[in-house]
Amino acid sequence: MQHIVKRGETLAIISANYRRTLAQVLAANPAITNPALIYPGQRINIPGLPNPDSIPFSIRVSLGSKRLTLYRSGQPVRTYPVGIGKMLTQTPVGEYVVVNREPNPGGPYGVMWLSLSRLGYGIHGTNDPSSIGKAVSKGCIRMHNRDVLELSRQVPNGTRVTIMH
């Protein structure tokens, strides 16, 4: 897949966001001879992830309604209630992709963790089901464990995730 560089991003930040080493990103971008010289609008190849446009699924999260909707070929398939970030640690609005997953991460993350292409953020289960429908997380999107398992069985890595107000 390709990432379009945003203002203020460095190659190190981009690598971390996609959970790739700097060496992997540089190997996938032989035209970059100096990692310090990237610019907004530049396209960076991210190795190991498919183009999100090639995946029939997409995810849209509405922070206002605290709902996550799964789409297939642009049509809504299922909507789930979610917990979101609290006022001081709000869920970041933007366009992301699922970069990897970890079953049974333990602790407050429930039975599944789907990493987003922003370091430290993901869609995950919870050990506190009463938090679903509330703004209580540190910015992640919480789902009921059964729901995140159902979602994770359908969406591959590279799936586009849009988080909006």
N, C-alpha and C. Protein backbone atom coordinates (compact mmCIF):
# COMPACT_ATOMS: atom_id res chain seq x y z
N MET A 1 0.84 -1.18 0.00
CA MET A 1 0.00 0.00 0.00
C MET A 1 0.88 1.23 0.00
N GLN A 2 0.28 2.36 -0.24
CA GLN A 2 1.03 3.61 -0.24
C GLN A 2 0.48 4.54 0.84
N HIS A 3 1.39 5.23 1.49
CA HIS A 3 1.04 6.26 2.47
C HIS A 3 1.41 7.60 1.87
N ILE A 4 0.54 8.57 2.01
CA ILE A 4 0.85 9.93 1.54
C ILE A 4 1.32 10.72 2.75
N VAL A 5 2.54 11.24 2.66
CA VAL A 5 3.17 11.95 3.77
C VAL A 5 2.36 13.19 4.13
N LYS A 6 2.10 13.33 5.43
CA LYS A 6 1.41 14.52 5.94
C LYS A 6 2.44 15.46 6.57
N ARG A 7 2.08 16.71 6.69
CA ARG A 7 2.95 17.72 7.29
C ARG A 7 3.39 17.27 8.68
N GLY A 8 4.68 17.36 8.95
CA GLY A 8 5.22 17.03 10.27
C GLY A 8 5.62 15.57 10.43
N GLU A 9 5.27 14.72 9.47
CA GLU A 9 5.64 13.31 9.59
C GLU A 9 7.09 13.09 9.18
N THR A 10 7.73 12.16 9.85
CA THR A 10 9.06 11.71 9.47
C THR A 10 8.95 10.25 9.04
N LEU A 11 9.98 9.76 8.40
CA LEU A 11 9.98 8.36 7.99
C LEU A 11 9.95 7.45 9.22
N ALA A 12 10.57 7.88 10.31
CA ALA A 12 10.55 7.09 11.54
C ALA A 12 9.13 6.99 12.10
N ILE A 13 8.38 8.10 12.07
CA ILE A 13 6.99 8.10 12.55
C ILE A 13 6.14 7.21 11.65
N ILE A 14 6.30 7.34 10.35
CA ILE A 14 5.52 6.53 9.41
C ILE A 14 5.82 5.05 9.64
N SER A 15 7.08 4.70 9.78
CA SER A 15 7.47 3.31 10.02
C SER A 15 6.82 2.77 11.29
N ALA A 16 6.87 3.55 12.35
CA ALA A 16 6.27 3.13 13.63
C ALA A 16 4.76 2.99 13.50
N ASN A 17 4.11 3.93 12.82
CA ASN A 17 2.65 3.86 12.67
C ASN A 17 2.20 2.60 11.96
N TYR A 18 2.99 2.13 11.01
CA TYR A 18 2.64 0.93 10.25
C TYR A 18 3.31 -0.33 10.81
N ARG A 19 4.00 -0.19 11.94
CA ARG A 19 4.68 -1.30 12.61
C ARG A 19 5.67 -2.00 11.67
N ARG A 20 6.40 -1.19 10.93
CA ARG A 20 7.46 -1.67 10.05
C ARG A 20 8.76 -1.03 10.50
N THR A 21 9.86 -1.72 10.29
CA THR A 21 11.14 -1.10 10.64
C THR A 21 11.49 -0.06 9.58
N LEU A 22 12.33 0.86 9.98
CA LEU A 22 12.80 1.88 9.03
C LEU A 22 13.50 1.20 7.85
N ALA A 23 14.26 0.14 8.13
CA ALA A 23 14.97 -0.59 7.07
C ALA A 23 13.97 -1.20 6.08
N GLN A 24 12.85 -1.74 6.57
CA GLN A 24 11.83 -2.32 5.68
C GLN A 24 11.22 -1.24 4.79
N VAL A 25 10.93 -0.08 5.37
CA VAL A 25 10.32 1.00 4.59
C VAL A 25 11.32 1.53 3.56
N LEU A 26 12.57 1.67 3.96
CA LEU A 26 13.58 2.15 3.01
C LEU A 26 13.80 1.14 1.88
N ALA A 27 13.78 -0.15 2.20
CA ALA A 27 13.95 -1.17 1.16
C ALA A 27 12.81 -1.13 0.16
N ALA A 28 11.61 -0.77 0.61
CA ALA A 28 10.45 -0.70 -0.28
C ALA A 28 10.40 0.61 -1.06
N ASN A 29 11.30 1.54 -0.73
CA ASN A 29 11.33 2.86 -1.37
C ASN A 29 12.76 3.21 -1.78
N PRO A 30 13.31 2.50 -2.79
CA PRO A 30 14.71 2.71 -3.15
C PRO A 30 15.04 4.12 -3.63
N ALA A 31 14.03 4.89 -4.04
CA ALA A 31 14.29 6.26 -4.50
C ALA A 31 14.62 7.19 -3.34
N ILE A 32 14.31 6.78 -2.11
CA ILE A 32 14.63 7.63 -0.95
C ILE A 32 16.08 7.36 -0.56
N THR A 33 16.93 8.32 -0.83
CA THR A 33 18.35 8.15 -0.51
C THR A 33 18.70 8.78 0.83
N ASN A 34 17.87 9.74 1.27
CA ASN A 34 18.07 10.36 2.58
C ASN A 34 16.73 10.37 3.31
N PRO A 35 16.58 9.53 4.37
CA PRO A 35 15.31 9.43 5.08
C PRO A 35 14.84 10.75 5.68
N ALA A 36 15.75 11.70 5.86
CA ALA A 36 15.37 12.99 6.43
C ALA A 36 14.73 13.91 5.39
N LEU A 37 14.82 13.54 4.13
CA LEU A 37 14.31 14.40 3.07
C LEU A 37 13.04 13.83 2.44
N ILE A 38 11.99 13.78 3.23
CA ILE A 38 10.68 13.44 2.68
C ILE A 38 9.81 14.70 2.81
N TYR A 39 8.73 14.76 2.05
CA TYR A 39 7.95 15.99 2.00
C TYR A 39 6.45 15.67 1.98
N PRO A 40 5.62 16.59 2.47
CA PRO A 40 4.17 16.39 2.44
C PRO A 40 3.69 16.13 1.01
N GLY A 41 2.82 15.14 0.88
CA GLY A 41 2.29 14.77 -0.43
C GLY A 41 3.06 13.64 -1.09
N GLN A 42 4.26 13.36 -0.61
CA GLN A 42 5.07 12.27 -1.17
C GLN A 42 4.40 10.93 -0.88
N ARG A 43 4.48 10.01 -1.83
CA ARG A 43 3.92 8.67 -1.66
C ARG A 43 5.02 7.72 -1.18
N ILE A 44 4.72 7.05 -0.08
CA ILE A 44 5.68 6.11 0.51
C ILE A 44 5.07 4.71 0.43
N ASN A 45 5.80 3.77 -0.15
CA ASN A 45 5.34 2.38 -0.20
C ASN A 45 5.49 1.76 1.18
N ILE A 46 4.42 1.10 1.64
CA ILE A 46 4.44 0.40 2.92
C ILE A 46 4.45 -1.09 2.59
N PRO A 47 5.55 -1.78 2.90
CA PRO A 47 5.64 -3.19 2.53
C PRO A 47 4.71 -4.07 3.37
N GLY A 48 4.20 -5.12 2.74
CA GLY A 48 3.46 -6.13 3.46
C GLY A 48 1.99 -5.84 3.71
N LEU A 49 1.49 -4.72 3.21
CA LEU A 49 0.07 -4.41 3.36
C LEU A 49 -0.55 -4.22 1.98
N PRO A 50 -1.73 -4.81 1.75
CA PRO A 50 -2.38 -4.62 0.45
C PRO A 50 -2.95 -3.21 0.32
N ASN A 51 -3.20 -2.82 -0.90
CA ASN A 51 -3.86 -1.55 -1.17
C ASN A 51 -5.28 -1.62 -0.60
N PRO A 52 -5.67 -0.68 0.28
CA PRO A 52 -7.02 -0.73 0.85
C PRO A 52 -8.13 -0.74 -0.21
N ASP A 53 -7.86 -0.17 -1.39
CA ASP A 53 -8.86 -0.17 -2.46
C ASP A 53 -9.12 -1.57 -3.01
N SER A 54 -8.20 -2.50 -2.76
CA SER A 54 -8.37 -3.87 -3.25
C SER A 54 -9.18 -4.73 -2.27
N ILE A 55 -9.53 -4.17 -1.12
CA ILE A 55 -10.26 -4.90 -0.09
C ILE A 55 -11.72 -4.47 -0.13
N PRO A 56 -12.65 -5.43 -0.22
CA PRO A 56 -14.06 -5.04 -0.31
C PRO A 56 -14.62 -4.45 0.99
N PHE A 57 -13.93 -4.66 2.10
CA PHE A 57 -14.42 -4.18 3.39
C PHE A 57 -13.84 -2.82 3.74
N SER A 58 -14.60 -2.05 4.50
CA SER A 58 -14.11 -0.82 5.11
C SER A 58 -14.88 -0.65 6.42
N ILE A 59 -14.32 0.16 7.29
CA ILE A 59 -14.90 0.39 8.61
C ILE A 59 -15.06 1.89 8.78
N ARG A 60 -16.21 2.29 9.32
CA ARG A 60 -16.43 3.70 9.65
C ARG A 60 -16.85 3.77 11.11
N VAL A 61 -16.18 4.63 11.87
CA VAL A 61 -16.50 4.83 13.28
C VAL A 61 -17.06 6.23 13.45
N SER A 62 -18.25 6.31 14.01
CA SER A 62 -18.86 7.59 14.34
C SER A 62 -18.68 7.82 15.84
N LEU A 63 -17.85 8.81 16.18
CA LEU A 63 -17.62 9.11 17.59
C LEU A 63 -18.88 9.66 18.24
N GLY A 64 -19.64 10.45 17.50
CA GLY A 64 -20.85 11.06 18.04
C GLY A 64 -21.89 10.04 18.46
N SER A 65 -22.07 9.00 17.63
CA SER A 65 -23.07 7.99 17.95
C SER A 65 -22.46 6.77 18.65
N LYS A 66 -21.13 6.79 18.80
CA LYS A 66 -20.42 5.66 19.42
C LYS A 66 -20.80 4.36 18.73
N ARG A 67 -20.65 4.37 17.41
CA ARG A 67 -20.99 3.21 16.59
C ARG A 67 -19.88 2.94 15.58
N LEU A 68 -19.62 1.67 15.34
CA LEU A 68 -18.69 1.22 14.31
C LEU A 68 -19.53 0.47 13.28
N THR A 69 -19.40 0.87 12.02
CA THR A 69 -20.14 0.21 10.95
C THR A 69 -19.17 -0.47 10.00
N LEU A 70 -19.43 -1.74 9.74
CA LEU A 70 -18.66 -2.50 8.77
C LEU A 70 -19.37 -2.41 7.42
N TYR A 71 -18.61 -2.08 6.38
CA TYR A 71 -19.14 -1.99 5.02
C TYR A 71 -18.49 -3.06 4.15
N ARG A 72 -19.27 -3.57 3.21
CA ARG A 72 -18.73 -4.45 2.18
C ARG A 72 -19.17 -3.86 0.85
N SER A 73 -18.20 -3.56 0.00
CA SER A 73 -18.46 -2.94 -1.31
C SER A 73 -19.34 -1.70 -1.16
N GLY A 74 -19.08 -0.91 -0.12
CA GLY A 74 -19.78 0.34 0.08
C GLY A 74 -21.14 0.22 0.74
N GLN A 75 -21.60 -0.99 1.00
CA GLN A 75 -22.91 -1.20 1.61
C GLN A 75 -22.74 -1.61 3.07
N PRO A 76 -23.52 -1.00 3.99
CA PRO A 76 -23.39 -1.39 5.40
C PRO A 76 -23.80 -2.84 5.62
N VAL A 77 -22.97 -3.55 6.39
CA VAL A 77 -23.20 -4.96 6.68
C VAL A 77 -23.68 -5.12 8.11
N ARG A 78 -23.02 -4.42 9.03
CA ARG A 78 -23.33 -4.58 10.45
C ARG A 78 -22.85 -3.34 11.20
N THR A 79 -23.60 -2.95 12.21
CA THR A 79 -23.22 -1.83 13.07
C THR A 79 -23.08 -2.35 14.49
N TYR A 80 -22.01 -1.90 15.16
CA TYR A 80 -21.71 -2.33 16.52
C TYR A 80 -21.62 -1.12 17.45
N PRO A 81 -22.05 -1.26 18.70
CA PRO A 81 -21.79 -0.20 19.68
C PRO A 81 -20.32 -0.25 20.10
N VAL A 82 -19.74 0.91 20.37
CA VAL A 82 -18.33 0.96 20.79
C VAL A 82 -18.15 1.94 21.94
N GLY A 83 -17.05 1.78 22.65
CA GLY A 83 -16.57 2.77 23.59
C GLY A 83 -15.46 3.55 22.91
N ILE A 84 -15.32 4.81 23.27
CA ILE A 84 -14.33 5.69 22.61
C ILE A 84 -13.51 6.43 23.65
N GLY A 85 -12.59 7.25 23.18
CA GLY A 85 -11.72 8.01 24.06
C GLY A 85 -12.45 9.06 24.86
N LYS A 86 -11.95 9.28 26.06
CA LYS A 86 -12.54 10.31 26.92
C LYS A 86 -12.01 11.68 26.52
N MET A 87 -12.50 12.73 27.18
CA MET A 87 -12.20 14.10 26.77
C MET A 87 -10.69 14.38 26.69
N LEU A 88 -9.93 13.94 27.66
CA LEU A 88 -8.50 14.24 27.68
C LEU A 88 -7.68 13.31 26.80
N THR A 89 -8.25 12.20 26.38
CA THR A 89 -7.55 11.25 25.51
C THR A 89 -8.52 10.82 24.40
N GLN A 90 -8.88 11.78 23.57
CA GLN A 90 -9.90 11.53 22.55
C GLN A 90 -9.40 10.61 21.45
N THR A 91 -10.33 9.87 20.88
CA THR A 91 -10.04 9.02 19.74
C THR A 91 -9.71 9.92 18.55
N PRO A 92 -8.57 9.66 17.88
CA PRO A 92 -8.17 10.55 16.79
C PRO A 92 -9.02 10.37 15.53
N VAL A 93 -9.54 11.48 15.03
CA VAL A 93 -10.32 11.49 13.79
C VAL A 93 -9.34 11.36 12.63
N GLY A 94 -9.73 10.62 11.60
CA GLY A 94 -8.88 10.50 10.42
C GLY A 94 -9.07 9.20 9.68
N GLU A 95 -8.19 9.00 8.70
CA GLU A 95 -8.19 7.79 7.86
C GLU A 95 -7.01 6.93 8.26
N TYR A 96 -7.30 5.67 8.56
CA TYR A 96 -6.27 4.72 8.98
C TYR A 96 -6.50 3.40 8.26
N VAL A 97 -5.60 2.45 8.50
CA VAL A 97 -5.82 1.08 8.05
C VAL A 97 -5.46 0.15 9.20
N VAL A 98 -6.02 -1.05 9.14
CA VAL A 98 -5.64 -2.10 10.09
C VAL A 98 -4.28 -2.62 9.66
N VAL A 99 -3.28 -2.54 10.55
CA VAL A 99 -1.93 -2.95 10.14
C VAL A 99 -1.53 -4.33 10.67
N ASN A 100 -2.10 -4.75 11.79
CA ASN A 100 -1.84 -6.09 12.29
C ASN A 100 -2.87 -6.42 13.36
N ARG A 101 -2.77 -7.60 13.92
CA ARG A 101 -3.73 -8.03 14.93
C ARG A 101 -3.04 -8.93 15.94
N GLU A 102 -3.57 -8.92 17.14
CA GLU A 102 -3.02 -9.78 18.19
C GLU A 102 -4.17 -10.41 18.97
N PRO A 103 -4.35 -11.73 18.82
CA PRO A 103 -5.37 -12.41 19.62
C PRO A 103 -4.94 -12.46 21.09
N ASN A 104 -5.91 -12.35 21.96
CA ASN A 104 -5.69 -12.46 23.41
C ASN A 104 -4.54 -11.60 23.93
N PRO A 105 -4.60 -10.29 23.70
CA PRO A 105 -3.51 -9.43 24.17
C PRO A 105 -3.50 -9.26 25.69
N GLY A 106 -4.59 -9.64 26.33
CA GLY A 106 -4.64 -9.58 27.79
C GLY A 106 -5.07 -8.23 28.32
N GLY A 107 -5.23 -8.17 29.63
CA GLY A 107 -5.59 -6.93 30.31
C GLY A 107 -6.88 -6.34 29.80
N PRO A 108 -6.91 -5.02 29.69
CA PRO A 108 -8.15 -4.33 29.30
C PRO A 108 -8.51 -4.50 27.83
N TYR A 109 -7.67 -5.19 27.05
CA TYR A 109 -7.87 -5.26 25.60
C TYR A 109 -8.71 -6.44 25.14
N GLY A 110 -9.23 -7.22 26.08
CA GLY A 110 -10.13 -8.30 25.72
C GLY A 110 -9.48 -9.39 24.91
N VAL A 111 -10.26 -9.94 23.96
CA VAL A 111 -9.85 -11.13 23.23
C VAL A 111 -9.14 -10.85 21.90
N MET A 112 -9.13 -9.58 21.45
CA MET A 112 -8.50 -9.27 20.15
C MET A 112 -8.11 -7.81 20.10
N TRP A 113 -6.94 -7.57 19.50
CA TRP A 113 -6.43 -6.22 19.26
C TRP A 113 -6.16 -6.08 17.77
N LEU A 114 -6.79 -5.08 17.14
CA LEU A 114 -6.51 -4.73 15.74
C LEU A 114 -5.79 -3.39 15.75
N SER A 115 -4.50 -3.41 15.42
CA SER A 115 -3.71 -2.17 15.41
C SER A 115 -4.11 -1.29 14.25
N LEU A 116 -4.22 0.01 14.51
CA LEU A 116 -4.45 0.98 13.46
C LEU A 116 -3.13 1.62 13.06
N SER A 117 -3.12 2.26 11.89
CA SER A 117 -1.90 2.89 11.37
C SER A 117 -1.63 4.23 12.06
N ARG A 118 -1.81 4.23 13.35
CA ARG A 118 -1.39 5.33 14.22
C ARG A 118 -0.95 4.67 15.52
N LEU A 119 0.32 4.76 15.79
CA LEU A 119 0.93 4.05 16.91
C LEU A 119 0.17 4.29 18.20
N GLY A 120 -0.14 3.20 18.91
CA GLY A 120 -0.81 3.30 20.19
C GLY A 120 -2.33 3.23 20.12
N TYR A 121 -2.88 3.15 18.92
CA TYR A 121 -4.34 3.13 18.77
C TYR A 121 -4.78 1.85 18.08
N GLY A 122 -5.96 1.38 18.48
CA GLY A 122 -6.50 0.19 17.87
C GLY A 122 -7.98 0.02 18.15
N ILE A 123 -8.50 -1.03 17.57
CA ILE A 123 -9.86 -1.48 17.83
C ILE A 123 -9.68 -2.77 18.62
N HIS A 124 -10.31 -2.86 19.78
CA HIS A 124 -10.07 -4.04 20.60
C HIS A 124 -11.29 -4.42 21.43
N GLY A 125 -11.22 -5.62 21.98
CA GLY A 125 -12.23 -6.07 22.91
C GLY A 125 -12.02 -5.39 24.25
N THR A 126 -12.72 -5.85 25.27
CA THR A 126 -12.58 -5.23 26.58
C THR A 126 -12.86 -6.22 27.69
N ASN A 127 -12.23 -5.99 28.83
CA ASN A 127 -12.55 -6.77 30.03
C ASN A 127 -13.59 -6.03 30.88
N ASP A 128 -14.12 -4.91 30.35
CA ASP A 128 -15.13 -4.12 31.05
C ASP A 128 -16.27 -3.79 30.08
N PRO A 129 -17.18 -4.75 29.86
CA PRO A 129 -18.25 -4.54 28.89
C PRO A 129 -19.15 -3.35 29.22
N SER A 130 -19.19 -2.91 30.47
CA SER A 130 -20.02 -1.76 30.81
C SER A 130 -19.47 -0.46 30.21
N SER A 131 -18.24 -0.47 29.70
CA SER A 131 -17.65 0.74 29.10
C SER A 131 -18.11 0.97 27.66
N ILE A 132 -18.73 -0.03 27.04
CA ILE A 132 -19.21 0.12 25.67
C ILE A 132 -20.35 1.15 25.67
N GLY A 133 -20.28 2.07 24.72
CA GLY A 133 -21.28 3.14 24.63
C GLY A 133 -20.88 4.39 25.39
N LYS A 134 -19.69 4.37 25.99
CA LYS A 134 -19.23 5.51 26.79
C LYS A 134 -17.91 6.05 26.25
N ALA A 135 -17.59 7.26 26.65
CA ALA A 135 -16.30 7.89 26.30
C ALA A 135 -15.39 7.75 27.51
N VAL A 136 -14.68 6.62 27.58
CA VAL A 136 -13.87 6.31 28.76
C VAL A 136 -12.46 5.79 28.45
N SER A 137 -12.15 5.53 27.18
CA SER A 137 -10.86 4.91 26.87
C SER A 137 -9.75 5.96 26.74
N LYS A 138 -8.55 5.48 26.51
CA LYS A 138 -7.40 6.38 26.28
C LYS A 138 -7.25 6.70 24.80
N GLY A 139 -8.35 6.52 24.05
CA GLY A 139 -8.34 6.89 22.64
C GLY A 139 -8.66 5.74 21.70
N CYS A 140 -8.56 4.51 22.20
CA CYS A 140 -8.87 3.35 21.37
C CYS A 140 -10.38 3.18 21.23
N ILE A 141 -10.73 2.29 20.34
CA ILE A 141 -12.13 1.94 20.10
C ILE A 141 -12.36 0.58 20.74
N ARG A 142 -13.23 0.54 21.74
CA ARG A 142 -13.53 -0.70 22.45
C ARG A 142 -14.81 -1.33 21.90
N MET A 143 -14.77 -2.65 21.81
CA MET A 143 -15.95 -3.39 21.37
C MET A 143 -16.21 -4.54 22.34
N HIS A 144 -17.43 -5.03 22.34
CA HIS A 144 -17.69 -6.27 23.06
C HIS A 144 -16.80 -7.35 22.47
N ASN A 145 -16.32 -8.27 23.29
CA ASN A 145 -15.41 -9.30 22.80
C ASN A 145 -16.00 -10.10 21.64
N ARG A 146 -17.27 -10.49 21.74
CA ARG A 146 -17.88 -11.27 20.65
C ARG A 146 -17.91 -10.45 19.35
N ASP A 147 -18.11 -9.13 19.48
CA ASP A 147 -18.18 -8.26 18.30
C ASP A 147 -16.82 -8.09 17.64
N VAL A 148 -15.78 -7.88 18.44
CA VAL A 148 -14.44 -7.69 17.84
C VAL A 148 -13.96 -8.99 17.20
N LEU A 149 -14.34 -10.13 17.77
CA LEU A 149 -13.97 -11.40 17.13
C LEU A 149 -14.68 -11.55 15.79
N GLU A 150 -15.97 -11.22 15.75
CA GLU A 150 -16.73 -11.29 14.50
C GLU A 150 -16.13 -10.35 13.46
N LEU A 151 -15.81 -9.13 13.87
CA LEU A 151 -15.20 -8.16 12.96
C LEU A 151 -13.85 -8.65 12.46
N SER A 152 -13.02 -9.14 13.36
CA SER A 152 -11.65 -9.55 12.98
C SER A 152 -11.64 -10.75 12.05
N ARG A 153 -12.67 -11.58 12.09
CA ARG A 153 -12.75 -12.72 11.17
C ARG A 153 -13.08 -12.26 9.75
N GLN A 154 -13.64 -11.07 9.61
CA GLN A 154 -14.07 -10.60 8.29
C GLN A 154 -13.06 -9.66 7.62
N VAL A 155 -12.43 -8.80 8.41
CA VAL A 155 -11.58 -7.77 7.80
C VAL A 155 -10.11 -8.17 7.81
N PRO A 156 -9.47 -8.12 6.66
CA PRO A 156 -8.03 -8.41 6.62
C PRO A 156 -7.21 -7.18 7.00
N ASN A 157 -5.93 -7.42 7.26
CA ASN A 157 -5.02 -6.29 7.41
C ASN A 157 -5.04 -5.49 6.11
N GLY A 158 -4.95 -4.17 6.24
CA GLY A 158 -5.05 -3.28 5.09
C GLY A 158 -6.43 -2.67 4.95
N THR A 159 -7.40 -3.15 5.75
CA THR A 159 -8.76 -2.60 5.68
C THR A 159 -8.76 -1.13 6.12
N ARG A 160 -9.41 -0.28 5.35
CA ARG A 160 -9.50 1.14 5.65
C ARG A 160 -10.45 1.37 6.83
N VAL A 161 -10.03 2.23 7.75
CA VAL A 161 -10.82 2.62 8.91
C VAL A 161 -10.92 4.15 8.93
N THR A 162 -12.15 4.64 8.85
CA THR A 162 -12.40 6.08 8.89
C THR A 162 -13.04 6.40 10.23
N ILE A 163 -12.40 7.29 10.99
CA ILE A 163 -12.95 7.73 12.27
C ILE A 163 -13.39 9.17 12.09
N MET A 164 -14.66 9.43 12.40
CA MET A 164 -15.20 10.77 12.21
C MET A 164 -16.01 11.19 13.43
N HIS A 165 -16.24 12.50 13.53
CA HIS A 165 -17.03 13.02 14.65
C HIS A 165 -18.42 12.51 14.49
